[in-house]
C-alpha atoms as a PDB file:
ATOM      1  CA  MET A   1      77.964 151.133  75.329  1.00  0.00           C
ATOM      2  CA  ASN A   2      75.122 151.968  77.664  1.00  0.00           C
ATOM      3  CA  MET A   3      72.569 151.101  75.011  1.00  0.00           C
ATOM      4  CA  LYS A   4      74.287 147.763  74.510  1.00  0.00           C
ATOM      5  CA  ASN A   5      74.157 147.010  78.259  1.00  0.00           C
ATOM      6  CA  THR A   6      70.542 148.114  78.347  1.00  0.00           C
ATOM      7  CA  SER A   7      69.708 145.793  75.424  1.00  0.00           C
ATOM      8  CA  GLU A   8      71.458 142.858  77.105  1.00  0.00           C
ATOM      9  CA  THR A   9      69.644 143.552  80.352  1.00  0.00           C
ATOM     10  CA  THR A  10      66.312 143.621  78.566  1.00  0.00           C
ATOM     11  CA  THR A  11      67.092 140.398  76.758  1.00  0.00           C
ATOM     12  CA  ASN A  12      68.129 138.683  79.996  1.00  0.00           C
ATOM     13  CA  GLU A  13      64.962 139.875  81.716  1.00  0.00           C
ATOM     14  CA  THR A  14      62.842 138.529  78.829  1.00  0.00           C
ATOM     15  CA  ILE A  15      64.661 135.162  78.958  1.00  0.00           C
ATOM     16  CA  GLU A  16      64.268 135.055  82.718  1.00  0.00           C
ATOM     17  CA  PHE A  17      60.541 135.782  82.443  1.00  0.00           C
ATOM     18  CA  ILE A  18      60.095 132.999  79.881  1.00  0.00           C
ATOM     19  CA  ARG A  19      62.100 130.554  81.991  1.00  0.00           C
ATOM     20  CA  ILE A  20      60.369 131.247  85.298  1.00  0.00           C
ATOM     21  CA  TYR A  21      56.822 132.217  84.515  1.00  0.00           C
ATOM     22  CA  ILE A  22      56.145 130.252  81.323  1.00  0.00           C
ATOM     23  CA  ILE A  23      58.321 127.147  81.395  1.00  0.00           C
ATOM     24  CA  CYS A  24      58.983 126.445  85.084  1.00  0.00           C
ATOM     25  CA  ARG A  25      55.503 127.495  86.261  1.00  0.00           C
ATOM     26  CA  TRP A  26      52.977 126.691  83.583  1.00  0.00           C
ATOM     27  CA  PHE A  27      54.671 124.113  81.319  1.00  0.00           C
ATOM     28  CA  TYR A  28      56.049 122.072  84.251  1.00  0.00           C
ATOM     29  CA  LEU A  29      52.667 121.969  85.975  1.00  0.00           C
ATOM     30  CA  ILE A  30      50.818 121.179  82.731  1.00  0.00           C
ATOM     31  CA  VAL A  31      53.095 118.216  81.996  1.00  0.00           C
ATOM     32  CA  PHE A  32      52.807 117.156  85.651  1.00  0.00           C
ATOM     33  CA  GLY A  33      48.989 117.172  85.509  1.00  0.00           C
ATOM     34  CA  ILE A  34      48.889 115.381  82.164  1.00  0.00           C
ATOM     35  CA  GLY A  35      51.433 112.818  83.406  1.00  0.00           C
ATOM     36  CA  ILE A  36      49.602 111.988  86.631  1.00  0.00           C
ATOM     37  CA  THR A  37      46.282 111.570  84.761  1.00  0.00           C
ATOM     38  CA  GLY A  38      47.892 109.573  81.957  1.00  0.00           C
ATOM     39  CA  ASN A  39      49.673 107.134  84.317  1.00  0.00           C
ATOM     40  CA  ILE A  40      46.392 106.551  86.197  1.00  0.00           C
ATOM     41  CA  LEU A  41      44.815 105.583  82.884  1.00  0.00           C
ATOM     42  CA  ASN A  42      47.839 103.361  82.100  1.00  0.00           C
ATOM     43  CA  ILE A  43      47.351 101.438  85.304  1.00  0.00           C
ATOM     44  CA  VAL A  44      43.607 101.093  84.644  1.00  0.00           C
ATOM     45  CA  VAL A  45      44.250  99.666  81.183  1.00  0.00           C
ATOM     46  CA  PHE A  46      47.092  97.337  82.110  1.00  0.00           C
ATOM     47  CA  LEU A  47      45.103  95.930  85.067  1.00  0.00           C
ATOM     48  CA  ARG A  48      42.305  94.784  82.749  1.00  0.00           C
ATOM     49  CA  LYS A  49      41.822  91.065  82.270  1.00  0.00           C
ATOM     50  CA  LYS A  50      43.374  90.855  78.819  1.00  0.00           C
ATOM     51  CA  PHE A  51      46.542  92.593  79.898  1.00  0.00           C
ATOM     52  CA  ARG A  52      47.248  91.732  83.510  1.00  0.00           C
ATOM     53  CA  SER A  53      48.029  88.087  82.709  1.00  0.00           C
ATOM     54  CA  ASN A  54      50.910  89.210  80.502  1.00  0.00           C
ATOM     55  CA  SER A  55      54.259  89.526  82.326  1.00  0.00           C
ATOM     56  CA  CYS A  56      55.278  92.542  80.254  1.00  0.00           C
ATOM     57  CA  SER A  57      52.238  94.483  81.450  1.00  0.00           C
ATOM     58  CA  ILE A  58      53.502  94.063  85.026  1.00  0.00           C
ATOM     59  CA  TYR A  59      56.627  96.025  84.052  1.00  0.00           C
ATOM     60  CA  PHE A  60      54.455  98.837  82.653  1.00  0.00           C
ATOM     61  CA  ILE A  61      52.265  98.872  85.785  1.00  0.00           C
ATOM     62  CA  ALA A  62      55.382  99.193  87.937  1.00  0.00           C
ATOM     63  CA  TYR A  63      56.729 101.830  85.521  1.00  0.00           C
ATOM     64  CA  SER A  64      53.497 103.844  85.778  1.00  0.00           C
ATOM     65  CA  ILE A  65      53.508 103.642  89.589  1.00  0.00           C
ATOM     66  CA  ASN A  66      57.136 104.813  89.664  1.00  0.00           C
ATOM     67  CA  ASN A  67      56.188 107.730  87.394  1.00  0.00           C
ATOM     68  CA  PHE A  68      53.940 109.134  90.129  1.00  0.00           C
ATOM     69  CA  MET A  69      56.985 109.545  92.362  1.00  0.00           C
ATOM     70  CA  ASN A  70      59.155 110.573  89.459  1.00  0.00           C
ATOM     71  CA  LEU A  71      56.798 113.365  88.420  1.00  0.00           C
ATOM     72  CA  THR A  72      56.035 114.462  92.005  1.00  0.00           C
ATOM     73  CA  PHE A  73      59.536 114.500  93.509  1.00  0.00           C
ATOM     74  CA  GLY A  74      60.987 115.571  90.206  1.00  0.00           C
ATOM     75  CA  LEU A  75      58.938 117.843  87.988  1.00  0.00           C
ATOM     76  CA  PHE A  76      56.431 119.163  90.552  1.00  0.00           C
ATOM     77  CA  VAL A  77      59.146 120.068  93.081  1.00  0.00           C
ATOM     78  CA  TRP A  78      61.265 121.565  90.315  1.00  0.00           C
ATOM     79  CA  SER A  79      58.314 123.767  89.429  1.00  0.00           C
ATOM     80  CA  LEU A  80      58.050 124.910  93.047  1.00  0.00           C
ATOM     81  CA  THR A  81      61.798 125.518  93.260  1.00  0.00           C
ATOM     82  CA  LEU A  82      62.477 127.199  89.896  1.00  0.00           C
ATOM     83  CA  GLY A  83      59.096 128.728  89.197  1.00  0.00           C
ATOM     84  CA  PHE A  84      57.748 129.752  92.596  1.00  0.00           C
ATOM     85  CA  GLY A  85      60.962 130.379  94.525  1.00  0.00           C
ATOM     86  CA  PHE A  86      60.498 127.499  96.974  1.00  0.00           C
ATOM     87  CA  ASP A  87      64.229 127.355  97.777  1.00  0.00           C
ATOM     88  CA  LEU A  88      64.143 124.800 100.623  1.00  0.00           C
ATOM     89  CA  GLU A  89      66.512 122.640  98.609  1.00  0.00           C
ATOM     90  CA  TYR A  90      69.145 125.385  98.641  1.00  0.00           C
ATOM     91  CA  THR A  91      68.849 126.137 102.350  1.00  0.00           C
ATOM     92  CA  VAL A  92      68.160 122.825 104.165  1.00  0.00           C
ATOM     93  CA  LEU A  93      70.884 120.210 103.642  1.00  0.00           C
ATOM     94  CA  THR A  94      68.823 117.198 104.741  1.00  0.00           C
ATOM     95  CA  TYR A  95      66.049 118.091 102.293  1.00  0.00           C
ATOM     96  CA  CYS A  96      68.661 118.575  99.574  1.00  0.00           C
ATOM     97  CA  LYS A  97      70.156 115.116 100.114  1.00  0.00           C
ATOM     98  CA  ILE A  98      66.854 113.207 100.447  1.00  0.00           C
ATOM     99  CA  ARG A  99      65.209 114.878  97.456  1.00  0.00           C
ATOM    100  CA  ARG A 100      68.179 114.392  95.107  1.00  0.00           C
ATOM    101  CA  TYR A 101      68.481 110.790  96.260  1.00  0.00           C
ATOM    102  CA  LEU A 102      64.799 110.042  95.528  1.00  0.00           C
ATOM    103  CA  THR A 103      64.810 111.786  92.126  1.00  0.00           C
ATOM    104  CA  HIS A 104      67.900 109.924  90.944  1.00  0.00           C
ATOM    105  CA  VAL A 105      66.476 106.557  92.208  1.00  0.00           C
ATOM    106  CA  ASN A 106      63.151 107.114  90.475  1.00  0.00           C
ATOM    107  CA  TYR A 107      64.870 108.198  87.262  1.00  0.00           C
ATOM    108  CA  LEU A 108      67.106 105.116  87.245  1.00  0.00           C
ATOM    109  CA  VAL A 109      64.230 102.766  88.128  1.00  0.00           C
ATOM    110  CA  SER A 110      62.279 104.038  85.110  1.00  0.00           C
ATOM    111  CA  SER A 111      65.181 103.328  82.741  1.00  0.00           C
ATOM    112  CA  CYS A 112      65.858  99.898  84.266  1.00  0.00           C
ATOM    113  CA  LEU A 113      62.186  98.844  84.074  1.00  0.00           C
ATOM    114  CA  LEU A 114      62.041  99.736  80.403  1.00  0.00           C
ATOM    115  CA  THR A 115      65.252  97.796  79.849  1.00  0.00           C
ATOM    116  CA  MET A 116      63.861  94.771  81.638  1.00  0.00           C
ATOM    117  CA  ALA A 117      60.660  95.053  79.593  1.00  0.00           C
ATOM    118  CA  SER A 118      62.801  94.918  76.441  1.00  0.00           C
ATOM    119  CA  ILE A 119      64.574  91.818  77.710  1.00  0.00           C
ATOM    120  CA  ASN A 120      61.148  90.308  78.572  1.00  0.00           C
ATOM    121  CA  ARG A 121      59.949  90.759  74.983  1.00  0.00           C
ATOM    122  CA  TYR A 122      63.161  89.276  73.634  1.00  0.00           C
ATOM    123  CA  ALA A 123      62.695  86.238  75.894  1.00  0.00           C
ATOM    124  CA  ARG A 124      59.087  85.878  74.684  1.00  0.00           C
ATOM    125  CA  VAL A 125      60.185  85.837  71.055  1.00  0.00           C
ATOM    126  CA  ARG A 126      62.951  83.313  71.754  1.00  0.00           C
ATOM    127  CA  GLN A 127      60.421  81.188  73.602  1.00  0.00           C
ATOM    128  CA  ALA A 128      58.221  81.144  70.468  1.00  0.00           C
ATOM    129  CA  GLN A 129      61.148  79.875  68.442  1.00  0.00           C
ATOM    130  CA  LEU A 130      61.398  76.741  70.608  1.00  0.00           C
ATOM    131  CA  THR A 131      65.129  77.132  71.142  1.00  0.00           C
ATOM    132  CA  LYS A 132      67.392  74.747  73.110  1.00  0.00           C
ATOM    133  CA  ASN A 133      67.278  76.874  76.265  1.00  0.00           C
ATOM    134  CA  LEU A 134      63.515  77.134  76.167  1.00  0.00           C
ATOM    135  CA  HIS A 135      63.110  76.690  79.945  1.00  0.00           C
ATOM    136  CA  ARG A 136      65.230  79.761  80.621  1.00  0.00           C
ATOM    137  CA  TYR A 137      63.089  82.011  78.416  1.00  0.00           C
ATOM    138  CA  ILE A 138      59.895  80.591  79.916  1.00  0.00           C
ATOM    139  CA  PHE A 139      61.268  81.376  83.367  1.00  0.00           C
ATOM    140  CA  LEU A 140      61.930  85.009  82.365  1.00  0.00           C
ATOM    141  CA  CYS A 141      58.397  85.395  81.082  1.00  0.00           C
ATOM    142  CA  GLU A 142      56.672  84.046  84.199  1.00  0.00           C
ATOM    143  CA  SER A 143      54.794  86.539  86.402  1.00  0.00           C
ATOM    144  CA  GLN A 144      56.493  85.396  89.559  1.00  0.00           C
ATOM    145  CA  THR A 145      59.901  85.992  88.007  1.00  0.00           C
ATOM    146  CA  THR A 146      58.757  89.427  86.852  1.00  0.00           C
ATOM    147  CA  TYR A 147      57.839  90.444  90.397  1.00  0.00           C
ATOM    148  CA  ILE A 148      61.231  89.258  91.669  1.00  0.00           C
ATOM    149  CA  ILE A 149      63.043  91.204  88.931  1.00  0.00           C
ATOM    150  CA  ILE A 150      61.081  94.387  89.696  1.00  0.00           C
ATOM    151  CA  ILE A 151      61.828  94.163  93.409  1.00  0.00           C
ATOM    152  CA  SER A 152      65.475  93.437  92.689  1.00  0.00           C
ATOM    153  CA  THR A 153      65.662  96.374  90.304  1.00  0.00           C
ATOM    154  CA  VAL A 154      64.275  98.773  92.903  1.00  0.00           C
ATOM    155  CA  VAL A 155      66.714  97.459  95.543  1.00  0.00           C
ATOM    156  CA  PHE A 156      69.579  97.800  93.075  1.00  0.00           C
ATOM    157  CA  CYS A 157      68.678 101.418  92.293  1.00  0.00           C
ATOM    158  CA  LEU A 158      68.427 102.242  95.977  1.00  0.00           C
ATOM    159  CA  ILE A 159      71.844 100.774  96.703  1.00  0.00           C
ATOM    160  CA  VAL A 160      73.689 102.146  93.656  1.00  0.00           C
ATOM    161  CA  ASN A 161      72.612 105.705  94.487  1.00  0.00           C
ATOM    162  CA  VAL A 162      73.377 105.545  98.218  1.00  0.00           C
ATOM    163  CA  HIS A 163      76.416 107.798  97.687  1.00  0.00           C
ATOM    164  CA  ILE A 164      74.160 110.741  96.831  1.00  0.00           C
ATOM    165  CA  PRO A 165      72.917 111.523 100.381  1.00  0.00           C
ATOM    166  CA  ILE A 166      76.497 111.157 101.629  1.00  0.00           C
ATOM    167  CA  PHE A 167      78.388 113.396  99.190  1.00  0.00           C
ATOM    168  CA  PHE A 168      75.812 115.893  98.031  1.00  0.00           C
ATOM    169  CA  GLU A 169      76.022 119.365  99.566  1.00  0.00           C
ATOM    170  CA  ILE A 170      74.793 122.943  99.160  1.00  0.00           C
ATOM    171  CA  ASN A 171      77.390 125.131  97.490  1.00  0.00           C
ATOM    172  CA  GLN A 172      76.882 128.543  95.947  1.00  0.00           C
ATOM    173  CA  ASN A 173      73.123 128.334  96.302  1.00  0.00           C
ATOM    174  CA  GLU A 174      73.021 124.939  94.545  1.00  0.00           C
ATOM    175  CA  CYS A 175      72.383 121.388  95.714  1.00  0.00           C
ATOM    176  CA  TYR A 176      74.781 119.141  93.866  1.00  0.00           C
ATOM    177  CA  ALA A 177      77.756 116.777  94.157  1.00  0.00           C
ATOM    178  CA  ARG A 178      80.689 117.841  96.288  1.00  0.00           C
ATOM    179  CA  ILE A 179      83.310 119.804  94.330  1.00  0.00           C
ATOM    180  CA  GLY A 180      86.414 117.827  93.469  1.00  0.00           C
ATOM    181  CA  VAL A 181      87.032 114.253  92.462  1.00  0.00           C
ATOM    182  CA  TYR A 182      83.552 113.086  93.496  1.00  0.00           C
ATOM    183  CA  ARG A 183      81.824 115.598  91.206  1.00  0.00           C
ATOM    184  CA  ILE A 184      83.822 114.332  88.199  1.00  0.00           C
ATOM    185  CA  LEU A 185      83.080 110.700  89.127  1.00  0.00           C
ATOM    186  CA  PHE A 186      79.411 111.497  89.666  1.00  0.00           C
ATOM    187  CA  ASP A 187      79.106 113.225  86.275  1.00  0.00           C
ATOM    188  CA  VAL A 188      80.664 110.202  84.581  1.00  0.00           C
ATOM    189  CA  TYR A 189      78.407 107.872  86.597  1.00  0.00           C
ATOM    190  CA  PHE A 190      75.312 109.864  85.707  1.00  0.00           C
ATOM    191  CA  LEU A 191      76.233 109.865  82.004  1.00  0.00           C
ATOM    192  CA  LEU A 192      76.879 106.129  81.965  1.00  0.00           C
ATOM    193  CA  PHE A 193      73.964 104.882  84.089  1.00  0.00           C
ATOM    194  CA  TYR A 194      71.353 107.311  82.811  1.00  0.00           C
ATOM    195  CA  ALA A 195      72.302 108.219  79.234  1.00  0.00           C
ATOM    196  CA  VAL A 196      74.531 105.432  77.857  1.00  0.00           C
ATOM    197  CA  LEU A 197      74.006 101.990  79.352  1.00  0.00           C
ATOM    198  CA  PRO A 198      70.186 101.726  79.502  1.00  0.00           C
ATOM    199  CA  PRO A 199      69.591 103.137  76.005  1.00  0.00           C
ATOM    200  CA  LEU A 200      72.412 101.038  74.597  1.00  0.00           C
ATOM    201  CA  ILE A 201      71.065  97.826  76.133  1.00  0.00           C
ATOM    202  CA  MET A 202      67.537  98.701  74.869  1.00  0.00           C
ATOM    203  CA  VAL A 203      68.801  99.260  71.337  1.00  0.00           C
ATOM    204  CA  ILE A 204      70.761  96.041  71.256  1.00  0.00           C
ATOM    205  CA  VAL A 205      67.937  93.928  72.744  1.00  0.00           C
ATOM    206  CA  ASN A 206      65.269  95.490  70.484  1.00  0.00           C
ATOM    207  CA  ILE A 207      67.370  94.938  67.368  1.00  0.00           C
ATOM    208  CA  ALA A 208      67.788  91.281  68.379  1.00  0.00           C
ATOM    209  CA  THR A 209      64.074  91.031  69.042  1.00  0.00           C
ATOM    210  CA  VAL A 210      63.181  92.397  65.584  1.00  0.00           C
ATOM    211  CA  ARG A 211      65.684  90.036  63.971  1.00  0.00           C
ATOM    212  CA  HIS A 212      64.179  87.000  65.687  1.00  0.00           C
ATOM    213  CA  ILE A 213      60.641  88.100  64.852  1.00  0.00           C
ATOM    214  CA  ARG A 214      61.513  87.674  61.191  1.00  0.00           C
ATOM    215  CA  CYS A 215      62.576  84.141  61.957  1.00  0.00           C
ATOM    216  CA  ILE A 216      59.244  83.387  63.655  1.00  0.00           C
ATOM    217  CA  LYS A 217      57.378  84.068  60.446  1.00  0.00           C
ATOM    218  CA  LYS A 218      59.089  81.010  58.935  1.00  0.00           C
ATOM    219  CA  LEU A 219      57.626  78.700  61.582  1.00  0.00           C
ATOM    220  CA  VAL A 220      54.623  76.573  60.719  1.00  0.00           C
ATOM    221  CA  ASN A 221      52.720  77.320  63.957  1.00  0.00           C
ATOM    222  CA  PRO A 222      54.129  80.427  65.612  1.00  0.00           C
ATOM    223  CA  CYS A 223      52.931  80.765  69.208  1.00  0.00           C
ATOM    224  CA  VAL A 224      53.069  84.535  69.467  1.00  0.00           C
ATOM    225  CA  SER A 225      49.671  86.212  69.501  1.00  0.00           C
ATOM    226  CA  ARG A 226      48.835  89.576  68.025  1.00  0.00           C
ATOM    227  CA  ARG A 227      48.681  91.074  71.535  1.00  0.00           C
ATOM    228  CA  GLU A 228      52.246  89.872  72.109  1.00  0.00           C
ATOM    229  CA  TYR A 229      53.370  91.648  68.936  1.00  0.00           C
ATOM    230  CA  HIS A 230      51.624  94.795  70.173  1.00  0.00           C
ATOM    231  CA  PHE A 231      53.604  94.599  73.396  1.00  0.00           C
ATOM    232  CA  ILE A 232      56.793  94.283  71.389  1.00  0.00           C
ATOM    233  CA  VAL A 233      55.866  97.410  69.409  1.00  0.00           C
ATOM    234  CA  LEU A 234      55.000  99.176  72.650  1.00  0.00           C
ATOM    235  CA  VAL A 235      58.345  98.348  74.242  1.00  0.00           C
ATOM    236  CA  ILE A 236      60.336  99.377  71.175  1.00  0.00           C
ATOM    237  CA  ALA A 237      58.447 102.671  70.818  1.00  0.00           C
ATOM    238  CA  HIS A 238      58.900 103.518  74.467  1.00  0.00           C
ATOM    239  CA  SER A 239      62.588 102.614  74.346  1.00  0.00           C
ATOM    240  CA  LEU A 240      63.082 105.013  71.444  1.00  0.00           C
ATOM    241  CA  SER A 241      61.136 107.771  73.180  1.00  0.00           C
ATOM    242  CA  ASN A 242      63.197 107.255  76.311  1.00  0.00           C
ATOM    243  CA  ILE A 243      66.409 107.784  74.373  1.00  0.00           C
ATOM    244  CA  ILE A 244      65.066 110.857  72.501  1.00  0.00           C
ATOM    245  CA  PHE A 245      63.706 112.571  75.610  1.00  0.00           C
ATOM    246  CA  THR A 246      66.499 111.663  78.023  1.00  0.00           C
ATOM    247  CA  LEU A 247      69.673 112.378  76.050  1.00  0.00           C
ATOM    248  CA  PRO A 248      69.296 116.220  75.783  1.00  0.00           C
ATOM    249  CA  TYR A 249      69.122 116.706  79.578  1.00  0.00           C
ATOM    250  CA  THR A 250      71.835 114.245  80.475  1.00  0.00           C
ATOM    251  CA  ILE A 251      74.255 115.640  77.865  1.00  0.00           C
ATOM    252  CA  ASN A 252      73.488 119.237  78.857  1.00  0.00           C
ATOM    253  CA  LYS A 253      73.954 118.432  82.521  1.00  0.00           C
ATOM    254  CA  PHE A 254      77.242 116.621  81.884  1.00  0.00           C
ATOM    255  CA  VAL A 255      78.624 119.461  79.798  1.00  0.00           C
ATOM    256  CA  TYR A 256      77.462 122.146  82.205  1.00  0.00           C
ATOM    257  CA  TYR A 257      78.841 120.610  85.416  1.00  0.00           C
ATOM    258  CA  THR A 258      82.013 119.250  83.800  1.00  0.00           C
ATOM    259  CA  PHE A 259      83.234 122.064  81.616  1.00  0.00           C
ATOM    260  CA  GLU A 260      81.522 125.191  82.948  1.00  0.00           C
ATOM    261  CA  ASP A 261      83.181 126.908  85.907  1.00  0.00           C
ATOM    262  CA  LEU A 262      81.546 130.332  85.603  1.00  0.00           C
ATOM    263  CA  LYS A 263      78.156 131.470  86.789  1.00  0.00           C
ATOM    264  CA  PRO A 264      75.472 130.279  84.278  1.00  0.00           C
ATOM    265  CA  THR A 265      73.933 132.872  82.018  1.00  0.00           C
ATOM    266  CA  GLU A 266      70.219 133.283  81.528  1.00  0.00           C
ATOM    267  CA  LYS A 267      70.471 131.457  78.192  1.00  0.00           C
ATOM    268  CA  GLU A 268      72.169 128.496  79.858  1.00  0.00           C
ATOM    269  CA  LYS A 269      69.518 128.455  82.573  1.00  0.00           C
ATOM    270  CA  LEU A 270      66.783 128.489  79.899  1.00  0.00           C
ATOM    271  CA  ILE A 271      68.446 125.582  78.084  1.00  0.00           C
ATOM    272  CA  GLY A 272      68.655 123.639  81.338  1.00  0.00           C
ATOM    273  CA  ALA A 273      64.969 124.289  82.123  1.00  0.00           C
ATOM    274  CA  VAL A 274      63.859 123.234  78.612  1.00  0.00           C
ATOM    275  CA  THR A 275      65.950 120.031  78.571  1.00  0.00           C
ATOM    276  CA  LEU A 276      64.603 119.154  82.037  1.00  0.00           C
ATOM    277  CA  LEU A 277      61.050 119.611  80.763  1.00  0.00           C
ATOM    278  CA  ILE A 278      61.821 117.367  77.755  1.00  0.00           C
ATOM    279  CA  ALA A 279      63.243 114.671  80.040  1.00  0.00           C
ATOM    280  CA  PHE A 280      60.001 114.521  82.033  1.00  0.00           C
ATOM    281  CA  MET A 281      57.881 114.338  78.893  1.00  0.00           C
ATOM    282  CA  ASN A 282      58.826 110.675  78.646  1.00  0.00           C
ATOM    283  CA  PRO A 283      56.952 109.651  81.835  1.00  0.00           C
ATOM    284  CA  GLY A 284      54.458 112.500  81.366  1.00  0.00           C
ATOM    285  CA  PHE A 285      53.249 111.573  77.873  1.00  0.00           C
ATOM    286  CA  SER A 286      53.523 107.786  78.118  1.00  0.00           C
ATOM    287  CA  PHE A 287      49.725 107.301  77.894  1.00  0.00           C
ATOM    288  CA  PHE A 288      49.582 109.129  74.538  1.00  0.00           C
ATOM    289  CA  LEU A 289      52.571 107.128  73.273  1.00  0.00           C
ATOM    290  CA  TYR A 290      50.791 103.844  74.119  1.00  0.00           C
ATOM    291  CA  THR A 291      47.552 105.029  72.594  1.00  0.00           C
ATOM    292  CA  LEU A 292      49.121 106.119  69.333  1.00  0.00           C
ATOM    293  CA  THR A 293      51.431 103.145  68.783  1.00  0.00           C
ATOM    294  CA  THR A 294      49.445 100.137  70.067  1.00  0.00           C
ATOM    295  CA  ARG A 295      46.047  99.099  68.764  1.00  0.00           C
ATOM    296  CA  SER A 296      45.307  96.671  71.615  1.00  0.00           C
ATOM    297  CA  PHE A 297      46.033  99.328  74.266  1.00  0.00           C
ATOM    298  CA  ARG A 298      43.791 101.779  72.425  1.00  0.00           C
ATOM    299  CA  HIS A 299      41.025  99.185  72.173  1.00  0.00           C
ATOM    300  CA  GLU A 300      41.259  98.258  75.872  1.00  0.00           C
ATOM    301  CA  PHE A 301      41.176 101.929  76.872  1.00  0.00           C
ATOM    302  CA  ILE A 302      38.007 102.525  74.819  1.00  0.00           C
ATOM    303  CA  GLN A 303      36.461  99.362  76.268  1.00  0.00           C
ATOM    304  CA  ALA A 304      37.334 100.461  79.794  1.00  0.00           C
ATOM    305  CA  CYS A 305      35.607 103.812  79.191  1.00  0.00           C
ATOM    306  CA  LYS A 306      32.557 102.031  77.839  1.00  0.00           C
ATOM    307  CA  ASP A 307      32.419  99.683  80.800  1.00  0.00           C
ATOM    308  CA  ILE A 308      32.617 102.555  83.288  1.00  0.00           C
ATOM    309  CA  PHE A 309      30.014 104.762  81.631  1.00  0.00           C
ATOM    310  CA  ILE A 310      27.639 101.953  80.614  1.00  0.00           C
ATOM    311  CA  ARG A 311      27.749 100.496  84.110  1.00  0.00           C
ATOM    312  CA  LYS A 312      27.058 103.889  85.592  1.00  0.00           C
ATOM    313  CA  ASP A 313      24.143 104.465  83.214  1.00  0.00           C
ATOM    314  CA  SER A 314      22.749 100.946  83.791  1.00  0.00           C
ATOM    315  CA  ASN A 315      22.963 101.340  87.550  1.00  0.00           C
ATOM    316  CA  SER A 316      21.153 104.689  87.420  1.00  0.00           C
ATOM    317  CA  LEU A 317      18.506 103.190  85.140  1.00  0.00           C
ATOM    318  CA  ILE A 318      18.002 100.223  87.461  1.00  0.00           C
ATOM    319  CA  ASN A 319      17.616 102.551  90.442  1.00  0.00           C
ATOM    320  CA  LYS A 320      15.026 104.632  88.606  1.00  0.00           C
ATOM    321  CA  VAL A 321      13.075 101.507  87.563  1.00  0.00           C
ATOM    322  CA  ASN A 322      13.164 100.202  91.135  1.00  0.00           C
ATOM    323  CA  ASP A 323      11.997 103.498  92.521  1.00  0.00           C
ATOM    324  CA  THR A 324       9.132 103.608  89.975  1.00  0.00           C
ATOM    325  CA  ILE A 325       8.050 100.097  90.685  1.00  0.00           C
ATOM    326  CA  GLY A 326       8.247 100.686  94.398  1.00  0.00           C
ATOM    327  CA  ALA A 327       6.134 103.806  94.136  1.00  0.00           C
ATOM    328  CA  ARG A 328       3.474 102.100  91.990  1.00  0.00           C
ATOM    329  CA  SER A 329       3.322  98.998  94.137  1.00  0.00           C
ATOM    330  CA  SER A 330       2.785 101.051  97.294  1.00  0.00           C
ATOM    331  CA  LEU A 331      -0.422 102.718  95.967  1.00  0.00           C
ATOM    332  CA  PRO A 332      -2.783  99.694  96.007  1.00  0.00           C
ATOM    333  CA  MET A 333      -1.630  98.731  99.484  1.00  0.00           C
ATOM    334  CA  ASN A 334      -2.442 102.176 100.827  1.00  0.00           C
ATOM    335  CA  PHE A 335      -5.808 102.151  99.067  1.00  0.00           C
ATOM    336  CA  ILE A 336      -6.654  98.702 100.495  1.00  0.00           C
ATOM    337  CA  THR A 337      -5.523  99.776 103.951  1.00  0.00           C
ATOM    338  CA  ARG A 338      -7.700 102.845 103.836  1.00  0.00           C
ATOM    339  CA  GLY A 339     -10.659 100.782 102.637  1.00  0.00           C
ATOM    340  CA  ARG A 340     -10.314  98.365 105.533  1.00  0.00           C
ATOM    341  CA  LEU A 341     -10.115 101.184 107.986  1.00  0.00           C
ATOM    342  CA  THR A 342     -13.349 102.665 106.612  1.00  0.00           C
ATOM    343  CA  PHE A 343     -15.346  99.480 106.993  1.00  0.00           C
END
């Protein structure tokens, strides 16, 4: 019996070491660093001349900017809390409420922006089909409309999550929803708004987009460029990755807080830490997803790198040439000056 208890203790200590020192410290920080760098590169590429005129790229710029906050308030702070013992969230109620509010808002904004990007691509395809309600689809694809939609989306996410700073509390060394009816309602709300509705809308809209793309091929003069098709592929790929990376964490969280009343075991804590890491891989690895799935994004990224390095090299070469010319031109003048002084 003692040997069995000793074996379980050793196993739990090993799992705890893996969870804290490997996953929550190193893996969280690695994904955080890659994500911040990747989203900076996303913004650089989408702000280039060929992309920034497209309304869909505005959604991806807003999505990349939101990822900075998502990764910082989410993954980075989780690393400090779970990996380095920074337990301010479990001791200061105000910090608990504000941080959970911001993380849920950022998480929902990301899903809503991807959903709106899917609707944008659907509207662009319908616009190319020259349908009866053409003016409506043109309106949805305008840049000014895109800015209004993004602002409205952020305001909606701020309002719909306003209950979090009101009803969240610290209980049993954990910052979460108040025990009782609200916790049940919050778990259902989280499952619907984060794991069911956005992915479901994305799937429906993307299926409709693909179906209408087939109809465009029958047109004599289709007005959808290759870059527009690349944006459609980009949106569909990111929608699928959002579903794949998000579902494990939301389902695990719903099951844990709804059906588990006991203190979590080390294995359950490890599963929670891994699913949380997987959830943040979606904003963390977005740059690599865009690079692998979209030729135009890959080409613009390479071109941006060339522009930066070639411009730097050309500027340094011009400075060297100017310095050389300046040095050579100054010699005769000095010689003449000396000659005049001699005579």
